[in-house]
Amino acid sequence: MSAAQQALSATSMLAVGGREAEAEAWYRRAAEAGHGTAMSNLGNLLRDLGSLQQAESWYQRAVDMGNTDAMSSLGVLQFGRGDLQQAQVSFRRAAEAGRIDAMFNVGQISKALGDHSEAEVWFRHAAEAESIDAMCNLGVLLYERGDIQEAEVWFRRGADFGDTDTMCNLGELLFIRGEIQEAEVWFRRASDAGHTGAMNHLRELLDAHGLDGHCGEHKD
């Protein structure tokens, strides 16, 4: 670890320990000296302190230096104030630099903006990089457009990772297809893990009622 990295690590400990003013002074000193990670960390600290305008300014400076953490953090800030278009730009930059969480977020925003083709592209990128959230959302997107076979593939992958939403969605898919025994297996697994939607579906299955709607999609 370089001296600069050691200093940033120590400064992070100050922030976690409640010594925000001291941490801010050290982050600001490093940021003003041109250290991109310090700029991003200063942005995070200022955001947590409620100074959103200053935080955004430091995020932008870090982004201009290619800092992917800042790209993603800037996207979160923009998304939080309802600026979906700008958030999508920021997340896309981070996604194109390889950040899996940003890939998922681009997918989420694209879907919210009605661009399901773009959403599928980014959900797929993230899912192939083993984002469980993306597996769930990609499966739902595929299911909604009638691509049941591939939706099942992604639901099974997410379920195998232990994700309860995809277990529940897989159970519903199987139930609708008439595979009652396996549907019950997945509803039970999700129910045992505390998924209330699966509990309701399991009860309906056992009572010989039909099922409607998906159990859930992951949200950022």
Protein backbone atom coordinates (compact mmCIF):
# COMPACT_ATOMS: atom_id res chain seq x y z
CA MET A 1 0.00 0.00 0.00
CA SER A 2 1.37 3.39 -1.00
CA ALA A 3 1.69 6.29 1.41
CA ALA A 4 -1.27 7.98 -0.28
CA GLN A 5 -3.41 4.85 0.10
CA GLN A 6 -2.43 4.54 3.75
CA ALA A 7 -3.41 8.16 4.34
CA LEU A 8 -6.79 7.64 2.65
CA SER A 9 -7.40 4.49 4.68
CA ALA A 10 -6.61 6.32 7.91
CA THR A 11 -8.88 9.19 6.86
CA SER A 12 -11.71 6.74 6.17
CA MET A 13 -11.33 5.41 9.70
CA LEU A 14 -11.70 8.96 11.03
CA ALA A 15 -14.97 9.34 9.12
CA VAL A 16 -16.30 6.00 10.35
CA GLY A 17 -15.24 6.90 13.88
CA GLY A 18 -17.37 10.03 13.93
CA ARG A 19 -14.53 12.49 13.34
CA GLU A 20 -16.07 13.85 10.14
CA ALA A 21 -14.57 17.35 10.36
CA GLU A 22 -11.04 15.99 10.63
CA ALA A 23 -11.73 13.45 7.87
CA GLU A 24 -13.12 16.17 5.62
CA ALA A 25 -10.00 18.30 6.11
CA TRP A 26 -7.70 15.45 5.09
CA TYR A 27 -9.86 14.36 2.17
CA ARG A 28 -10.07 17.94 0.96
CA ARG A 29 -6.30 18.35 1.21
CA ALA A 30 -5.71 15.23 -0.89
CA ALA A 31 -8.52 16.08 -3.31
CA GLU A 32 -7.18 19.56 -3.92
CA ALA A 33 -3.82 17.94 -4.65
CA GLY A 34 -5.48 16.03 -7.49
CA HIS A 35 -6.13 12.61 -5.92
CA GLY A 36 -9.20 11.12 -7.61
CA THR A 37 -10.09 8.64 -4.87
CA ALA A 38 -9.93 11.43 -2.28
CA MET A 39 -12.29 13.50 -4.44
CA SER A 40 -14.76 10.61 -4.54
CA ASN A 41 -14.45 9.97 -0.81
CA LEU A 42 -14.86 13.65 -0.05
CA GLY A 43 -18.01 13.59 -2.16
CA ASN A 44 -19.33 10.65 -0.15
CA LEU A 45 -18.62 12.40 3.13
CA LEU A 46 -20.23 15.66 2.01
CA ARG A 47 -23.25 13.73 0.73
CA ASP A 48 -23.64 12.02 4.09
CA LEU A 49 -23.40 15.42 5.79
CA GLY A 50 -26.15 16.77 3.55
CA SER A 51 -23.97 19.03 1.39
CA LEU A 52 -25.25 17.62 -1.88
CA GLN A 53 -24.15 20.44 -4.14
CA GLN A 54 -20.57 20.25 -2.90
CA ALA A 55 -20.68 16.47 -3.08
CA GLU A 56 -21.77 16.60 -6.70
CA SER A 57 -18.98 19.01 -7.54
CA TRP A 58 -16.32 16.69 -6.13
CA TYR A 59 -17.90 13.64 -7.74
CA GLN A 60 -17.78 15.41 -11.09
CA ARG A 61 -14.12 16.27 -10.65
CA ALA A 62 -13.36 12.66 -9.78
CA VAL A 63 -15.41 11.46 -12.76
CA ASP A 64 -13.37 13.70 -15.02
CA MET A 65 -10.31 11.81 -13.76
CA GLY A 66 -11.93 8.47 -14.62
CA ASN A 67 -12.88 7.40 -11.10
CA THR A 68 -15.59 4.74 -11.48
CA ASP A 69 -16.71 4.91 -7.84
CA ALA A 70 -17.51 8.58 -8.37
CA MET A 71 -19.38 7.82 -11.61
CA SER A 72 -21.66 5.43 -9.74
CA SER A 73 -22.04 7.71 -6.71
CA LEU A 74 -22.89 10.64 -8.95
CA GLY A 75 -25.53 8.49 -10.63
CA VAL A 76 -27.07 7.62 -7.27
CA LEU A 77 -27.18 11.29 -6.30
CA GLN A 78 -28.78 12.28 -9.61
CA PHE A 79 -31.25 9.43 -9.41
CA GLY A 80 -32.20 10.49 -5.89
CA ARG A 81 -33.25 13.93 -7.08
CA GLY A 82 -35.23 12.47 -9.97
CA ASP A 83 -32.82 13.30 -12.79
CA LEU A 84 -33.07 9.93 -14.54
CA GLN A 85 -31.47 11.03 -17.79
CA GLN A 86 -28.32 12.33 -16.13
CA ALA A 87 -28.21 9.38 -13.76
CA GLN A 88 -28.33 7.05 -16.74
CA VAL A 89 -25.36 8.86 -18.31
CA SER A 90 -23.33 8.55 -15.11
CA PHE A 91 -24.22 4.91 -14.54
CA ARG A 92 -23.49 4.11 -18.17
CA ARG A 93 -19.97 5.53 -17.87
CA ALA A 94 -19.35 3.35 -14.84
CA ALA A 95 -20.97 0.35 -16.53
CA GLU A 96 -18.81 0.74 -19.62
CA ALA A 97 -15.81 0.81 -17.29
CA GLY A 98 -16.90 -2.58 -15.93
CA ARG A 99 -18.89 -1.81 -12.76
CA ILE A 100 -21.53 -4.52 -12.39
CA ASP A 101 -23.79 -2.53 -10.06
CA ALA A 102 -23.82 0.30 -12.59
CA MET A 103 -24.79 -2.14 -15.37
CA PHE A 104 -27.78 -3.16 -13.29
CA ASN A 105 -28.69 0.46 -12.59
CA VAL A 106 -28.57 1.36 -16.29
CA GLY A 107 -30.96 -1.52 -16.85
CA GLN A 108 -33.30 -0.30 -14.13
CA ILE A 109 -33.40 3.25 -15.44
CA SER A 110 -33.78 2.12 -19.05
CA LYS A 111 -36.78 0.01 -18.07
CA ALA A 112 -38.27 2.89 -16.07
CA LEU A 113 -37.89 5.10 -19.16
CA GLY A 114 -39.65 2.49 -21.27
CA ASP A 115 -36.60 1.30 -23.23
CA HIS A 116 -36.90 -2.43 -22.62
CA SER A 117 -34.40 -3.35 -25.32
CA GLU A 118 -31.70 -1.27 -23.64
CA ALA A 119 -32.74 -2.59 -20.25
CA GLU A 120 -32.33 -6.14 -21.48
CA VAL A 121 -28.83 -5.42 -22.80
CA TRP A 122 -27.61 -4.12 -19.44
CA PHE A 123 -29.50 -6.61 -17.27
CA ARG A 124 -27.92 -9.33 -19.39
CA HIS A 125 -24.42 -7.90 -19.00
CA ALA A 126 -24.86 -7.73 -15.24
CA ALA A 127 -26.52 -11.14 -15.00
CA GLU A 128 -23.72 -12.76 -16.96
CA ALA A 129 -21.35 -11.18 -14.43
CA GLU A 130 -23.38 -12.97 -11.71
CA SER A 131 -25.47 -10.07 -10.44
CA ILE A 132 -28.36 -11.85 -8.76
CA ASP A 133 -30.52 -8.72 -8.90
CA ALA A 134 -29.98 -8.61 -12.64
CA MET A 135 -30.84 -12.30 -13.03
CA CYS A 136 -34.18 -11.67 -11.36
CA ASN A 137 -34.99 -8.56 -13.37
CA LEU A 138 -33.84 -10.05 -16.65
CA GLY A 139 -36.03 -13.07 -16.01
CA VAL A 140 -39.05 -10.86 -15.35
CA LEU A 141 -38.37 -8.77 -18.46
CA LEU A 142 -38.15 -11.90 -20.60
CA TYR A 143 -41.25 -13.40 -18.99
CA GLU A 144 -43.26 -10.26 -19.62
CA ARG A 145 -42.48 -10.35 -23.32
CA GLY A 146 -43.35 -14.04 -23.56
CA ASP A 147 -39.87 -15.57 -23.68
CA ILE A 148 -40.74 -18.12 -21.03
CA GLN A 149 -37.97 -20.58 -21.76
CA GLU A 150 -35.12 -18.11 -21.27
CA ALA A 151 -36.90 -16.48 -18.33
CA GLU A 152 -36.87 -19.88 -16.65
CA VAL A 153 -33.12 -20.18 -17.25
CA TRP A 154 -32.43 -16.93 -15.41
CA PHE A 155 -34.93 -17.63 -12.64
CA ARG A 156 -33.21 -20.96 -12.04
CA ARG A 157 -29.78 -19.33 -11.94
CA GLY A 158 -30.95 -16.74 -9.43
CA ALA A 159 -32.76 -19.36 -7.38
CA ASP A 160 -29.66 -21.53 -7.30
CA PHE A 161 -27.84 -18.57 -5.75
CA GLY A 162 -30.46 -18.57 -2.98
CA ASP A 163 -32.40 -15.50 -4.10
CA THR A 164 -35.95 -15.69 -2.81
CA ASP A 165 -37.55 -13.41 -5.42
CA THR A 166 -36.33 -15.61 -8.23
CA MET A 167 -37.33 -18.74 -6.31
CA CYS A 168 -40.83 -17.32 -6.07
CA ASN A 169 -40.93 -16.27 -9.72
CA LEU A 170 -39.68 -19.69 -10.76
CA GLY A 171 -42.37 -21.32 -8.64
CA GLU A 172 -45.05 -19.23 -10.30
CA LEU A 173 -43.76 -19.99 -13.79
CA LEU A 174 -43.79 -23.71 -13.03
CA PHE A 175 -47.25 -23.57 -11.47
CA ILE A 176 -48.73 -21.81 -14.48
CA ARG A 177 -47.13 -24.44 -16.68
CA GLY A 178 -48.76 -27.16 -14.61
CA GLU A 179 -45.60 -28.45 -12.89
CA ILE A 180 -47.23 -28.30 -9.48
CA GLN A 181 -44.82 -30.49 -7.54
CA GLU A 182 -41.69 -28.53 -8.46
CA ALA A 183 -43.54 -25.23 -8.06
CA GLU A 184 -44.32 -26.24 -4.49
CA VAL A 185 -40.65 -27.03 -3.87
CA TRP A 186 -39.57 -23.51 -4.85
CA PHE A 187 -42.43 -21.79 -3.04
CA ARG A 188 -41.48 -23.70 0.09
CA ARG A 189 -37.79 -22.79 -0.19
CA ALA A 190 -38.63 -19.12 -0.58
CA SER A 191 -41.21 -19.30 2.20
CA ASP A 192 -38.73 -20.95 4.55
CA ALA A 193 -36.40 -18.01 3.89
CA GLY A 194 -39.14 -15.55 4.87
CA HIS A 195 -40.49 -14.45 1.48
CA THR A 196 -44.09 -13.40 2.16
CA GLY A 197 -45.15 -13.52 -1.49
CA ALA A 198 -44.04 -17.12 -1.71
CA MET A 199 -45.90 -17.90 1.50
CA ASN A 200 -49.10 -16.54 -0.03
CA HIS A 201 -48.59 -18.44 -3.27
CA LEU A 202 -47.83 -21.64 -1.40
CA ARG A 203 -51.03 -21.31 0.57
CA GLU A 204 -52.97 -20.68 -2.63
CA LEU A 205 -51.33 -23.64 -4.31
CA LEU A 206 -52.19 -25.90 -1.42
CA ASP A 207 -55.74 -24.59 -1.46
CA ALA A 208 -55.88 -25.28 -5.21
CA HIS A 209 -56.29 -21.60 -6.16
CA GLY A 210 -54.67 -19.86 -9.14
CA LEU A 211 -51.68 -17.51 -8.99
CA ASP A 212 -51.45 -14.04 -10.50
CA GLY A 213 -48.55 -11.62 -10.89
CA HIS A 214 -44.85 -11.88 -10.17
CA CYS A 215 -43.58 -12.20 -6.64
CA GLY A 216 -41.15 -9.35 -6.94
CA GLU A 217 -38.35 -7.57 -8.72
CA HIS A 218 -35.18 -6.29 -7.11
CA LYS A 219 -34.96 -2.54 -6.66
CA ASP A 220 -31.72 -0.49 -6.39
